[in-house]
Amino acid sequence: MRRSAGVFALAAAAVLVLAGCSSDPLAEQYREGSGKGYIAGDGTIAEFPADQRGEPVAFEGETIEGDAFDSADLAGQVAVVNFWYAGCAPCRAEAPLLQQVHEEFDGEGASFVGVNVRDQAATAASFEESFGITYPSIVDANDGAVQYAFAGDVPPAAVPTTLVLDGEGRVAARILGQLKDASILETIVRDLIAEQS
């Protein structure tokens, strides 16, 4: 009986998390700073000068919609790569900011791609619909291939993490933890686009 109640409680919690209501309880709880057992990165921002960037990172995978994605298609563009999953409170809090910056730079020299590290396509698609995310996300939960490609740049448990790649596909900036302000990412992307000119 106790086990059934526990399963029911988990199912109910999952429904609430994915319900997509205008007020997101998990994100609000995170913003309040109550902790509730969630540990995330501290929002540390690191930028790397061109002469200190590593090798280009190549990655590929299948998107939530079932399309093939290959980083080779991003060649010559600044690329923003965001690691996330649906039940991650800071991921939910930053999602509107990422979409905002994506819309600002879409077709202007920068592309966005998400990397979902825990969910299957249906759960990830529900998140995207709830938050109005229009850029693609790779489902990386099954084999972790994209996470492996970025292993030197993204600590395994640090979600969310946002990486910004230069036009050569090298990591030029990293935000470890929640993006707190869209202007931070806007500035990084704008500077990298200008660097290529």
N, C-alpha and C. Protein backbone atom coordinates (compact mmCIF):
# COMPACT_ATOMS: atom_id res chain seq x y z
N MET A 1 0.82 -1.19 0.00
CA MET A 1 0.00 0.00 0.00
C MET A 1 0.87 1.26 0.00
N ARG A 2 1.90 1.24 0.89
CA ARG A 2 2.80 2.39 0.99
C ARG A 2 3.53 2.61 -0.34
N ARG A 3 3.94 1.49 -0.96
CA ARG A 3 4.65 1.58 -2.24
C ARG A 3 3.74 2.17 -3.32
N SER A 4 2.48 1.76 -3.35
CA SER A 4 1.53 2.30 -4.33
C SER A 4 1.35 3.80 -4.14
N ALA A 5 1.28 4.22 -2.87
CA ALA A 5 1.12 5.65 -2.58
C ALA A 5 2.35 6.41 -3.07
N GLY A 6 3.52 5.83 -2.90
CA GLY A 6 4.75 6.47 -3.35
C GLY A 6 4.80 6.61 -4.86
N VAL A 7 4.38 5.55 -5.57
CA VAL A 7 4.35 5.58 -7.03
C VAL A 7 3.35 6.62 -7.50
N PHE A 8 2.19 6.67 -6.85
CA PHE A 8 1.18 7.67 -7.21
C PHE A 8 1.71 9.08 -6.99
N ALA A 9 2.40 9.31 -5.87
CA ALA A 9 2.94 10.63 -5.57
C ALA A 9 3.97 11.05 -6.62
N LEU A 10 4.83 10.11 -7.03
CA LEU A 10 5.82 10.41 -8.06
C LEU A 10 5.14 10.74 -9.39
N ALA A 11 4.13 9.97 -9.74
CA ALA A 11 3.41 10.21 -10.99
C ALA A 11 2.73 11.58 -10.95
N ALA A 12 2.12 11.90 -9.83
CA ALA A 12 1.45 13.20 -9.69
C ALA A 12 2.46 14.33 -9.80
N ALA A 13 3.63 14.16 -9.18
CA ALA A 13 4.67 15.19 -9.25
C ALA A 13 5.14 15.38 -10.69
N ALA A 14 5.28 14.28 -11.43
CA ALA A 14 5.73 14.35 -12.82
C ALA A 14 4.70 15.11 -13.67
N VAL A 15 3.43 14.84 -13.43
CA VAL A 15 2.38 15.53 -14.17
C VAL A 15 2.42 17.02 -13.89
N LEU A 16 2.61 17.39 -12.62
CA LEU A 16 2.69 18.80 -12.27
C LEU A 16 3.88 19.48 -12.92
N VAL A 17 5.02 18.79 -12.94
CA VAL A 17 6.24 19.36 -13.52
C VAL A 17 6.06 19.60 -15.01
N LEU A 18 5.37 18.68 -15.70
CA LEU A 18 5.24 18.78 -17.14
C LEU A 18 3.94 19.45 -17.59
N ALA A 19 3.16 19.92 -16.67
CA ALA A 19 1.84 20.45 -17.00
C ALA A 19 1.90 21.69 -17.89
N GLY A 20 2.98 22.45 -17.79
CA GLY A 20 3.14 23.60 -18.67
C GLY A 20 2.22 24.75 -18.31
N CYS A 21 1.89 24.89 -17.04
CA CYS A 21 1.05 26.00 -16.64
C CYS A 21 1.86 27.29 -16.69
N SER A 22 1.16 28.41 -16.65
CA SER A 22 1.84 29.70 -16.77
C SER A 22 2.79 29.94 -15.60
N SER A 23 2.49 29.41 -14.45
CA SER A 23 3.38 29.51 -13.31
C SER A 23 4.04 28.15 -13.13
N ASP A 24 5.36 28.12 -13.21
CA ASP A 24 6.10 26.86 -13.12
C ASP A 24 6.58 26.67 -11.69
N PRO A 25 5.95 25.79 -10.90
CA PRO A 25 6.29 25.65 -9.49
C PRO A 25 7.74 25.27 -9.23
N LEU A 26 8.31 24.40 -10.08
CA LEU A 26 9.68 23.97 -9.87
C LEU A 26 10.66 25.12 -10.08
N ALA A 27 10.45 25.90 -11.14
CA ALA A 27 11.31 27.05 -11.39
C ALA A 27 11.14 28.10 -10.30
N GLU A 28 9.89 28.32 -9.86
CA GLU A 28 9.65 29.30 -8.79
C GLU A 28 10.33 28.87 -7.50
N GLN A 29 10.23 27.60 -7.18
CA GLN A 29 10.88 27.06 -5.98
C GLN A 29 12.39 27.30 -6.04
N TYR A 30 12.95 27.08 -7.22
CA TYR A 30 14.40 27.29 -7.39
C TYR A 30 14.75 28.77 -7.21
N ARG A 31 13.95 29.66 -7.82
CA ARG A 31 14.22 31.10 -7.72
C ARG A 31 14.14 31.59 -6.27
N GLU A 32 13.27 30.97 -5.47
CA GLU A 32 13.13 31.36 -4.07
C GLU A 32 14.38 31.05 -3.26
N GLY A 33 15.21 30.16 -3.79
CA GLY A 33 16.43 29.80 -3.08
C GLY A 33 16.21 28.83 -1.94
N SER A 34 15.11 28.10 -1.98
CA SER A 34 14.81 27.19 -0.88
C SER A 34 15.66 25.93 -0.91
N GLY A 35 16.39 25.71 -2.00
CA GLY A 35 17.25 24.54 -2.07
C GLY A 35 16.48 23.31 -2.45
N LYS A 36 15.75 22.76 -1.53
CA LYS A 36 14.94 21.55 -1.76
C LYS A 36 15.76 20.42 -2.35
N GLY A 37 17.04 20.37 -1.97
CA GLY A 37 17.88 19.26 -2.38
C GLY A 37 18.46 19.38 -3.78
N TYR A 38 18.28 20.51 -4.46
CA TYR A 38 18.81 20.65 -5.81
C TYR A 38 20.14 21.39 -5.74
N ILE A 39 21.16 20.84 -6.41
CA ILE A 39 22.47 21.47 -6.45
C ILE A 39 22.80 21.76 -7.91
N ALA A 40 23.18 22.99 -8.20
CA ALA A 40 23.51 23.35 -9.58
C ALA A 40 24.79 24.18 -9.59
N GLY A 41 25.27 24.46 -10.80
CA GLY A 41 26.42 25.34 -10.93
C GLY A 41 26.07 26.72 -10.42
N ASP A 42 27.09 27.52 -10.17
CA ASP A 42 26.88 28.83 -9.56
C ASP A 42 26.76 29.96 -10.57
N GLY A 43 26.68 29.66 -11.84
CA GLY A 43 26.56 30.70 -12.85
C GLY A 43 27.89 31.30 -13.26
N THR A 44 28.99 30.65 -12.88
CA THR A 44 30.31 31.15 -13.23
C THR A 44 30.46 31.25 -14.75
N ILE A 45 30.99 32.38 -15.20
CA ILE A 45 31.19 32.61 -16.63
C ILE A 45 32.69 32.61 -16.91
N ALA A 46 33.09 31.82 -17.88
CA ALA A 46 34.49 31.79 -18.32
C ALA A 46 34.53 32.09 -19.81
N GLU A 47 35.36 33.03 -20.19
CA GLU A 47 35.57 33.33 -21.61
C GLU A 47 37.02 33.03 -21.94
N PHE A 48 37.24 32.48 -23.14
CA PHE A 48 38.57 32.05 -23.54
C PHE A 48 39.02 32.84 -24.77
N PRO A 49 40.15 33.55 -24.66
CA PRO A 49 40.67 34.27 -25.84
C PRO A 49 40.96 33.30 -26.97
N ALA A 50 40.95 33.79 -28.19
CA ALA A 50 41.10 32.93 -29.37
C ALA A 50 42.35 32.06 -29.30
N ASP A 51 43.44 32.59 -28.76
CA ASP A 51 44.69 31.82 -28.73
C ASP A 51 44.73 30.80 -27.59
N GLN A 52 43.67 30.76 -26.77
CA GLN A 52 43.62 29.80 -25.65
C GLN A 52 42.48 28.79 -25.79
N ARG A 53 41.85 28.79 -26.93
CA ARG A 53 40.75 27.84 -27.15
C ARG A 53 41.31 26.50 -27.61
N GLY A 54 40.63 25.45 -27.23
CA GLY A 54 41.06 24.11 -27.61
C GLY A 54 40.72 23.79 -29.06
N GLU A 55 40.70 22.51 -29.34
CA GLU A 55 40.38 22.03 -30.68
C GLU A 55 38.88 22.17 -30.95
N PRO A 56 38.49 22.27 -32.22
CA PRO A 56 37.06 22.29 -32.55
C PRO A 56 36.39 21.01 -32.04
N VAL A 57 35.14 21.15 -31.60
CA VAL A 57 34.38 20.01 -31.08
C VAL A 57 33.35 19.62 -32.13
N ALA A 58 33.42 18.37 -32.56
CA ALA A 58 32.44 17.84 -33.52
C ALA A 58 31.45 16.96 -32.75
N PHE A 59 30.18 17.11 -33.05
CA PHE A 59 29.16 16.29 -32.39
C PHE A 59 27.96 16.14 -33.31
N GLU A 60 27.19 15.10 -33.05
CA GLU A 60 25.99 14.85 -33.83
C GLU A 60 25.01 14.03 -32.99
N GLY A 61 23.79 13.99 -33.44
CA GLY A 61 22.78 13.20 -32.73
C GLY A 61 21.43 13.38 -33.39
N GLU A 62 20.43 12.78 -32.76
CA GLU A 62 19.06 12.88 -33.27
C GLU A 62 18.30 13.87 -32.42
N THR A 63 17.57 14.77 -33.08
CA THR A 63 16.81 15.78 -32.35
C THR A 63 15.53 15.17 -31.77
N ILE A 64 14.89 15.95 -30.94
CA ILE A 64 13.63 15.55 -30.33
C ILE A 64 12.59 15.20 -31.40
N GLU A 65 12.65 15.91 -32.53
CA GLU A 65 11.70 15.68 -33.62
C GLU A 65 12.10 14.49 -34.50
N GLY A 66 13.26 13.87 -34.22
CA GLY A 66 13.70 12.72 -34.99
C GLY A 66 14.59 13.06 -36.18
N ASP A 67 15.02 14.32 -36.28
CA ASP A 67 15.88 14.73 -37.38
C ASP A 67 17.35 14.52 -37.01
N ALA A 68 18.19 14.33 -38.00
CA ALA A 68 19.63 14.22 -37.77
C ALA A 68 20.21 15.61 -37.58
N PHE A 69 21.11 15.72 -36.61
CA PHE A 69 21.79 17.00 -36.37
C PHE A 69 23.29 16.75 -36.42
N ASP A 70 24.01 17.60 -37.14
CA ASP A 70 25.46 17.47 -37.26
C ASP A 70 26.08 18.84 -37.06
N SER A 71 27.05 18.94 -36.16
CA SER A 71 27.68 20.23 -35.87
C SER A 71 28.39 20.80 -37.10
N ALA A 72 28.70 19.96 -38.09
CA ALA A 72 29.33 20.45 -39.32
C ALA A 72 28.44 21.49 -40.01
N ASP A 73 27.13 21.39 -39.79
CA ASP A 73 26.20 22.34 -40.39
C ASP A 73 26.30 23.73 -39.77
N LEU A 74 27.00 23.84 -38.65
CA LEU A 74 27.15 25.12 -37.95
C LEU A 74 28.44 25.84 -38.34
N ALA A 75 29.23 25.23 -39.20
CA ALA A 75 30.54 25.79 -39.57
C ALA A 75 30.42 27.24 -39.99
N GLY A 76 31.29 28.07 -39.43
CA GLY A 76 31.30 29.49 -39.76
C GLY A 76 30.38 30.33 -38.93
N GLN A 77 29.54 29.70 -38.12
CA GLN A 77 28.62 30.44 -37.25
C GLN A 77 29.03 30.31 -35.79
N VAL A 78 28.65 31.28 -35.00
CA VAL A 78 28.73 31.14 -33.55
C VAL A 78 27.62 30.15 -33.17
N ALA A 79 27.92 29.23 -32.26
CA ALA A 79 26.92 28.24 -31.85
C ALA A 79 26.78 28.25 -30.34
N VAL A 80 25.55 28.31 -29.88
CA VAL A 80 25.24 28.23 -28.45
C VAL A 80 24.71 26.83 -28.18
N VAL A 81 25.38 26.10 -27.28
CA VAL A 81 25.01 24.72 -26.96
C VAL A 81 24.61 24.69 -25.48
N ASN A 82 23.35 24.36 -25.23
CA ASN A 82 22.82 24.37 -23.85
C ASN A 82 22.48 22.95 -23.41
N PHE A 83 23.08 22.51 -22.31
CA PHE A 83 22.82 21.19 -21.73
C PHE A 83 21.70 21.33 -20.70
N TRP A 84 20.65 20.49 -20.82
CA TRP A 84 19.46 20.66 -19.98
C TRP A 84 18.70 19.35 -19.85
N TYR A 85 17.71 19.34 -18.95
CA TYR A 85 16.70 18.28 -18.91
C TYR A 85 15.44 18.86 -18.26
N ALA A 86 14.31 18.24 -18.50
CA ALA A 86 13.01 18.82 -18.17
C ALA A 86 12.78 19.04 -16.68
N GLY A 87 13.27 18.15 -15.82
CA GLY A 87 13.03 18.28 -14.39
C GLY A 87 14.03 19.16 -13.67
N CYS A 88 14.93 19.80 -14.40
CA CYS A 88 15.98 20.65 -13.82
C CYS A 88 15.41 22.05 -13.60
N ALA A 89 15.26 22.43 -12.33
CA ALA A 89 14.64 23.72 -12.00
C ALA A 89 15.35 24.92 -12.63
N PRO A 90 16.68 25.03 -12.54
CA PRO A 90 17.32 26.18 -13.18
C PRO A 90 17.23 26.14 -14.71
N CYS A 91 17.11 24.94 -15.28
CA CYS A 91 16.91 24.84 -16.73
C CYS A 91 15.57 25.48 -17.11
N ARG A 92 14.57 25.25 -16.29
CA ARG A 92 13.25 25.81 -16.53
C ARG A 92 13.26 27.33 -16.35
N ALA A 93 14.04 27.78 -15.36
CA ALA A 93 14.11 29.22 -15.10
C ALA A 93 14.81 29.97 -16.23
N GLU A 94 15.83 29.35 -16.86
CA GLU A 94 16.59 30.04 -17.90
C GLU A 94 16.01 29.86 -19.29
N ALA A 95 15.11 28.91 -19.49
CA ALA A 95 14.60 28.60 -20.83
C ALA A 95 14.07 29.83 -21.58
N PRO A 96 13.27 30.70 -20.95
CA PRO A 96 12.78 31.88 -21.69
C PRO A 96 13.90 32.81 -22.12
N LEU A 97 14.97 32.91 -21.32
CA LEU A 97 16.10 33.78 -21.68
C LEU A 97 16.85 33.23 -22.89
N LEU A 98 17.05 31.91 -22.91
CA LEU A 98 17.72 31.29 -24.05
C LEU A 98 16.91 31.49 -25.33
N GLN A 99 15.61 31.31 -25.24
CA GLN A 99 14.75 31.51 -26.40
C GLN A 99 14.81 32.96 -26.87
N GLN A 100 14.84 33.89 -25.93
CA GLN A 100 14.91 35.32 -26.25
C GLN A 100 16.19 35.64 -27.05
N VAL A 101 17.32 35.12 -26.58
CA VAL A 101 18.59 35.38 -27.27
C VAL A 101 18.61 34.67 -28.62
N HIS A 102 18.06 33.46 -28.67
CA HIS A 102 17.96 32.74 -29.95
C HIS A 102 17.21 33.58 -30.97
N GLU A 103 16.07 34.13 -30.59
CA GLU A 103 15.26 34.93 -31.50
C GLU A 103 16.02 36.17 -31.97
N GLU A 104 16.81 36.76 -31.08
CA GLU A 104 17.56 37.97 -31.42
C GLU A 104 18.62 37.69 -32.50
N PHE A 105 19.27 36.52 -32.42
CA PHE A 105 20.39 36.24 -33.32
C PHE A 105 20.06 35.23 -34.42
N ASP A 106 18.84 34.74 -34.47
CA ASP A 106 18.45 33.78 -35.50
C ASP A 106 18.63 34.40 -36.88
N GLY A 107 19.46 33.78 -37.72
CA GLY A 107 19.73 34.32 -39.04
C GLY A 107 20.73 35.45 -39.05
N GLU A 108 21.31 35.74 -37.88
CA GLU A 108 22.26 36.85 -37.77
C GLU A 108 23.67 36.38 -37.39
N GLY A 109 23.98 35.13 -37.72
CA GLY A 109 25.34 34.64 -37.47
C GLY A 109 25.50 33.74 -36.27
N ALA A 110 24.40 33.39 -35.61
CA ALA A 110 24.49 32.49 -34.45
C ALA A 110 23.36 31.48 -34.48
N SER A 111 23.67 30.24 -34.12
CA SER A 111 22.68 29.18 -34.04
C SER A 111 22.66 28.60 -32.63
N PHE A 112 21.52 28.04 -32.25
CA PHE A 112 21.34 27.43 -30.94
C PHE A 112 21.02 25.95 -31.09
N VAL A 113 21.51 25.16 -30.18
CA VAL A 113 21.10 23.76 -30.09
C VAL A 113 21.11 23.35 -28.62
N GLY A 114 20.07 22.66 -28.21
CA GLY A 114 20.02 22.11 -26.86
C GLY A 114 20.54 20.68 -26.87
N VAL A 115 21.00 20.24 -25.71
CA VAL A 115 21.40 18.85 -25.53
C VAL A 115 20.69 18.33 -24.29
N ASN A 116 19.66 17.51 -24.50
CA ASN A 116 18.91 16.97 -23.37
C ASN A 116 19.63 15.74 -22.85
N VAL A 117 20.05 15.81 -21.59
CA VAL A 117 20.94 14.78 -21.04
C VAL A 117 20.23 13.66 -20.29
N ARG A 118 18.91 13.77 -20.05
CA ARG A 118 18.22 12.75 -19.25
C ARG A 118 16.91 12.24 -19.80
N ASP A 119 16.22 13.02 -20.61
CA ASP A 119 14.85 12.68 -20.99
C ASP A 119 14.77 11.96 -22.33
N GLN A 120 13.67 11.26 -22.52
CA GLN A 120 13.33 10.73 -23.83
C GLN A 120 12.61 11.82 -24.61
N ALA A 121 12.42 11.60 -25.91
CA ALA A 121 11.91 12.64 -26.80
C ALA A 121 10.56 13.22 -26.36
N ALA A 122 9.63 12.38 -25.91
CA ALA A 122 8.29 12.87 -25.55
C ALA A 122 8.34 13.85 -24.39
N THR A 123 9.14 13.55 -23.38
CA THR A 123 9.26 14.44 -22.22
C THR A 123 9.94 15.73 -22.63
N ALA A 124 10.99 15.63 -23.41
CA ALA A 124 11.70 16.83 -23.87
C ALA A 124 10.82 17.69 -24.75
N ALA A 125 10.01 17.06 -25.61
CA ALA A 125 9.11 17.81 -26.49
C ALA A 125 8.06 18.57 -25.68
N SER A 126 7.58 17.98 -24.60
CA SER A 126 6.61 18.65 -23.74
C SER A 126 7.22 19.90 -23.12
N PHE A 127 8.47 19.79 -22.70
CA PHE A 127 9.20 20.95 -22.14
C PHE A 127 9.30 22.05 -23.19
N GLU A 128 9.73 21.69 -24.40
CA GLU A 128 9.89 22.69 -25.46
C GLU A 128 8.57 23.39 -25.77
N GLU A 129 7.49 22.63 -25.79
CA GLU A 129 6.19 23.23 -26.07
C GLU A 129 5.78 24.17 -24.95
N SER A 130 5.99 23.76 -23.70
CA SER A 130 5.62 24.58 -22.55
C SER A 130 6.36 25.91 -22.52
N PHE A 131 7.63 25.89 -22.92
CA PHE A 131 8.46 27.09 -22.83
C PHE A 131 8.66 27.79 -24.17
N GLY A 132 8.01 27.31 -25.21
CA GLY A 132 8.09 27.97 -26.51
C GLY A 132 9.46 27.92 -27.15
N ILE A 133 10.19 26.85 -26.90
CA ILE A 133 11.54 26.70 -27.46
C ILE A 133 11.43 26.31 -28.94
N THR A 134 12.08 27.07 -29.81
CA THR A 134 11.97 26.82 -31.24
C THR A 134 13.28 26.32 -31.88
N TYR A 135 14.37 26.34 -31.14
CA TYR A 135 15.61 25.79 -31.70
C TYR A 135 15.67 24.29 -31.39
N PRO A 136 16.46 23.52 -32.15
CA PRO A 136 16.48 22.07 -31.96
C PRO A 136 17.23 21.65 -30.70
N SER A 137 16.87 20.48 -30.21
CA SER A 137 17.60 19.85 -29.11
C SER A 137 17.89 18.40 -29.47
N ILE A 138 19.09 17.98 -29.15
CA ILE A 138 19.51 16.59 -29.36
C ILE A 138 19.13 15.78 -28.13
N VAL A 139 18.57 14.60 -28.32
CA VAL A 139 18.29 13.69 -27.22
C VAL A 139 19.58 12.88 -27.00
N ASP A 140 20.24 13.13 -25.86
CA ASP A 140 21.55 12.52 -25.59
C ASP A 140 21.50 11.57 -24.40
N ALA A 141 20.29 11.24 -23.95
CA ALA A 141 20.13 10.43 -22.74
C ALA A 141 20.57 8.98 -22.92
N ASN A 142 20.45 8.45 -24.12
CA ASN A 142 20.71 7.03 -24.32
C ASN A 142 22.19 6.69 -24.40
N ASP A 143 22.97 7.48 -25.15
CA ASP A 143 24.38 7.12 -25.29
C ASP A 143 25.35 8.18 -24.78
N GLY A 144 24.88 9.38 -24.50
CA GLY A 144 25.75 10.42 -23.95
C GLY A 144 26.85 10.86 -24.90
N ALA A 145 26.67 10.65 -26.20
CA ALA A 145 27.73 10.94 -27.17
C ALA A 145 28.10 12.43 -27.21
N VAL A 146 27.10 13.31 -27.12
CA VAL A 146 27.39 14.74 -27.16
C VAL A 146 28.08 15.16 -25.87
N GLN A 147 27.60 14.64 -24.74
CA GLN A 147 28.26 14.95 -23.47
C GLN A 147 29.71 14.50 -23.51
N TYR A 148 29.96 13.34 -24.09
CA TYR A 148 31.32 12.82 -24.19
C TYR A 148 32.18 13.73 -25.06
N ALA A 149 31.61 14.24 -26.16
CA ALA A 149 32.36 15.12 -27.06
C ALA A 149 32.84 16.37 -26.33
N PHE A 150 32.04 16.84 -25.36
CA PHE A 150 32.37 18.05 -24.61
C PHE A 150 32.91 17.75 -23.22
N ALA A 151 33.35 16.52 -22.97
CA ALA A 151 33.71 16.08 -21.63
C ALA A 151 34.74 16.98 -20.94
N GLY A 152 35.65 17.56 -21.67
CA GLY A 152 36.63 18.43 -21.05
C GLY A 152 36.09 19.79 -20.67
N ASP A 153 34.93 20.16 -21.22
CA ASP A 153 34.37 21.49 -21.02
C ASP A 153 33.15 21.53 -20.10
N VAL A 154 32.47 20.39 -19.99
CA VAL A 154 31.25 20.33 -19.17
C VAL A 154 31.40 19.25 -18.11
N PRO A 155 31.49 19.64 -16.82
CA PRO A 155 31.52 18.62 -15.78
C PRO A 155 30.25 17.77 -15.88
N PRO A 156 30.35 16.44 -15.67
CA PRO A 156 29.23 15.54 -15.93
C PRO A 156 27.94 15.90 -15.20
N ALA A 157 28.02 16.43 -14.00
CA ALA A 157 26.80 16.71 -13.23
C ALA A 157 26.35 18.16 -13.33
N ALA A 158 27.03 18.97 -14.13
CA ALA A 158 26.73 20.40 -14.18
C ALA A 158 25.67 20.70 -15.23
N VAL A 159 24.43 20.66 -14.82
CA VAL A 159 23.32 20.98 -15.70
C VAL A 159 22.44 21.98 -14.96
N PRO A 160 22.13 23.12 -15.56
CA PRO A 160 22.46 23.48 -16.93
C PRO A 160 23.89 24.00 -17.08
N THR A 161 24.41 23.83 -18.27
CA THR A 161 25.65 24.48 -18.70
C THR A 161 25.40 24.98 -20.11
N THR A 162 25.88 26.18 -20.39
CA THR A 162 25.76 26.75 -21.73
C THR A 162 27.16 27.03 -22.25
N LEU A 163 27.46 26.48 -23.42
CA LEU A 163 28.73 26.71 -24.08
C LEU A 163 28.49 27.56 -25.32
N VAL A 164 29.42 28.45 -25.61
CA VAL A 164 29.34 29.23 -26.84
C VAL A 164 30.59 28.90 -27.66
N LEU A 165 30.36 28.40 -28.87
CA LEU A 165 31.44 28.01 -29.76
C LEU A 165 31.70 29.10 -30.79
N ASP A 166 32.96 29.30 -31.12
CA ASP A 166 33.27 30.27 -32.16
C ASP A 166 33.00 29.65 -33.53
N GLY A 167 33.25 30.40 -34.58
CA GLY A 167 32.96 29.95 -35.93
C GLY A 167 33.73 28.72 -36.36
N GLU A 168 34.81 28.41 -35.64
CA GLU A 168 35.60 27.21 -35.93
C GLU A 168 35.13 26.01 -35.12
N GLY A 169 34.15 26.21 -34.25
CA GLY A 169 33.64 25.12 -33.42
C GLY A 169 34.42 24.91 -32.13
N ARG A 170 35.19 25.92 -31.72
CA ARG A 170 35.96 25.81 -30.48
C ARG A 170 35.18 26.48 -29.34
N VAL A 171 35.31 25.95 -28.13
CA VAL A 171 34.62 26.54 -26.98
C VAL A 171 35.27 27.88 -26.65
N ALA A 172 34.46 28.94 -26.79
CA ALA A 172 34.95 30.29 -26.54
C ALA A 172 34.44 30.85 -25.22
N ALA A 173 33.34 30.29 -24.71
CA ALA A 173 32.78 30.75 -23.44
C ALA A 173 31.96 29.64 -22.81
N ARG A 174 31.87 29.68 -21.48
CA ARG A 174 31.10 28.68 -20.74
C ARG A 174 30.37 29.36 -19.59
N ILE A 175 29.09 29.07 -19.47
CA ILE A 175 28.30 29.51 -18.32
C ILE A 175 27.93 28.24 -17.56
N LEU A 176 28.49 28.09 -16.38
CA LEU A 176 28.30 26.89 -15.59
C LEU A 176 27.17 27.14 -14.60
N GLY A 177 25.99 26.60 -14.90
CA GLY A 177 24.81 26.86 -14.08
C GLY A 177 23.83 27.73 -14.85
N GLN A 178 22.83 28.23 -14.15
CA GLN A 178 21.74 28.97 -14.78
C GLN A 178 22.20 30.30 -15.36
N LEU A 179 21.74 30.58 -16.59
CA LEU A 179 21.90 31.90 -17.19
C LEU A 179 20.95 32.83 -16.44
N LYS A 180 21.49 33.85 -15.79
CA LYS A 180 20.67 34.73 -14.94
C LYS A 180 20.10 35.92 -15.70
N ASP A 181 20.77 36.32 -16.78
CA ASP A 181 20.36 37.52 -17.49
C ASP A 181 20.67 37.34 -18.98
N ALA A 182 19.69 37.59 -19.82
CA ALA A 182 19.89 37.41 -21.26
C ALA A 182 21.03 38.26 -21.79
N SER A 183 21.25 39.45 -21.20
CA SER A 183 22.28 40.36 -21.71
C SER A 183 23.68 39.75 -21.62
N ILE A 184 23.90 38.85 -20.67
CA ILE A 184 25.20 38.19 -20.55
C ILE A 184 25.49 37.38 -21.81
N LEU A 185 24.54 36.55 -22.20
CA LEU A 185 24.72 35.71 -23.38
C LEU A 185 24.71 36.56 -24.65
N GLU A 186 23.87 37.57 -24.69
CA GLU A 186 23.83 38.47 -25.85
C GLU A 186 25.20 39.08 -26.11
N THR A 187 25.84 39.55 -25.06
CA THR A 187 27.15 40.18 -25.20
C THR A 187 28.20 39.20 -25.71
N ILE A 188 28.21 37.99 -25.14
CA ILE A 188 29.17 36.97 -25.57
C ILE A 188 28.98 36.64 -27.04
N VAL A 189 27.73 36.41 -27.43
CA VAL A 189 27.43 36.05 -28.83
C VAL A 189 27.79 37.20 -29.76
N ARG A 190 27.40 38.40 -29.41
CA ARG A 190 27.68 39.57 -30.25
C ARG A 190 29.19 39.76 -30.44
N ASP A 191 29.95 39.61 -29.37
CA ASP A 191 31.40 39.78 -29.46
C ASP A 191 32.03 38.73 -30.35
N LEU A 192 31.54 37.48 -30.26
CA LEU A 192 32.09 36.41 -31.09
C LEU A 192 31.73 36.58 -32.57
N ILE A 193 30.53 37.08 -32.83
CA ILE A 193 30.16 37.37 -34.22
C ILE A 193 31.09 38.47 -34.78
N ALA A 194 31.32 39.50 -33.98
CA ALA A 194 32.20 40.60 -34.40
C ALA A 194 33.62 40.11 -34.61
N GLU A 195 34.05 39.16 -33.78
CA GLU A 195 35.41 38.61 -33.89
C GLU A 195 35.64 37.97 -35.26
N GLN A 196 34.60 37.41 -35.84
CA GLN A 196 34.72 36.74 -37.12
C GLN A 196 34.74 37.70 -38.30
N SER A 197 34.33 38.93 -38.07
CA SER A 197 34.24 39.90 -39.17
C SER A 197 35.60 40.34 -39.65
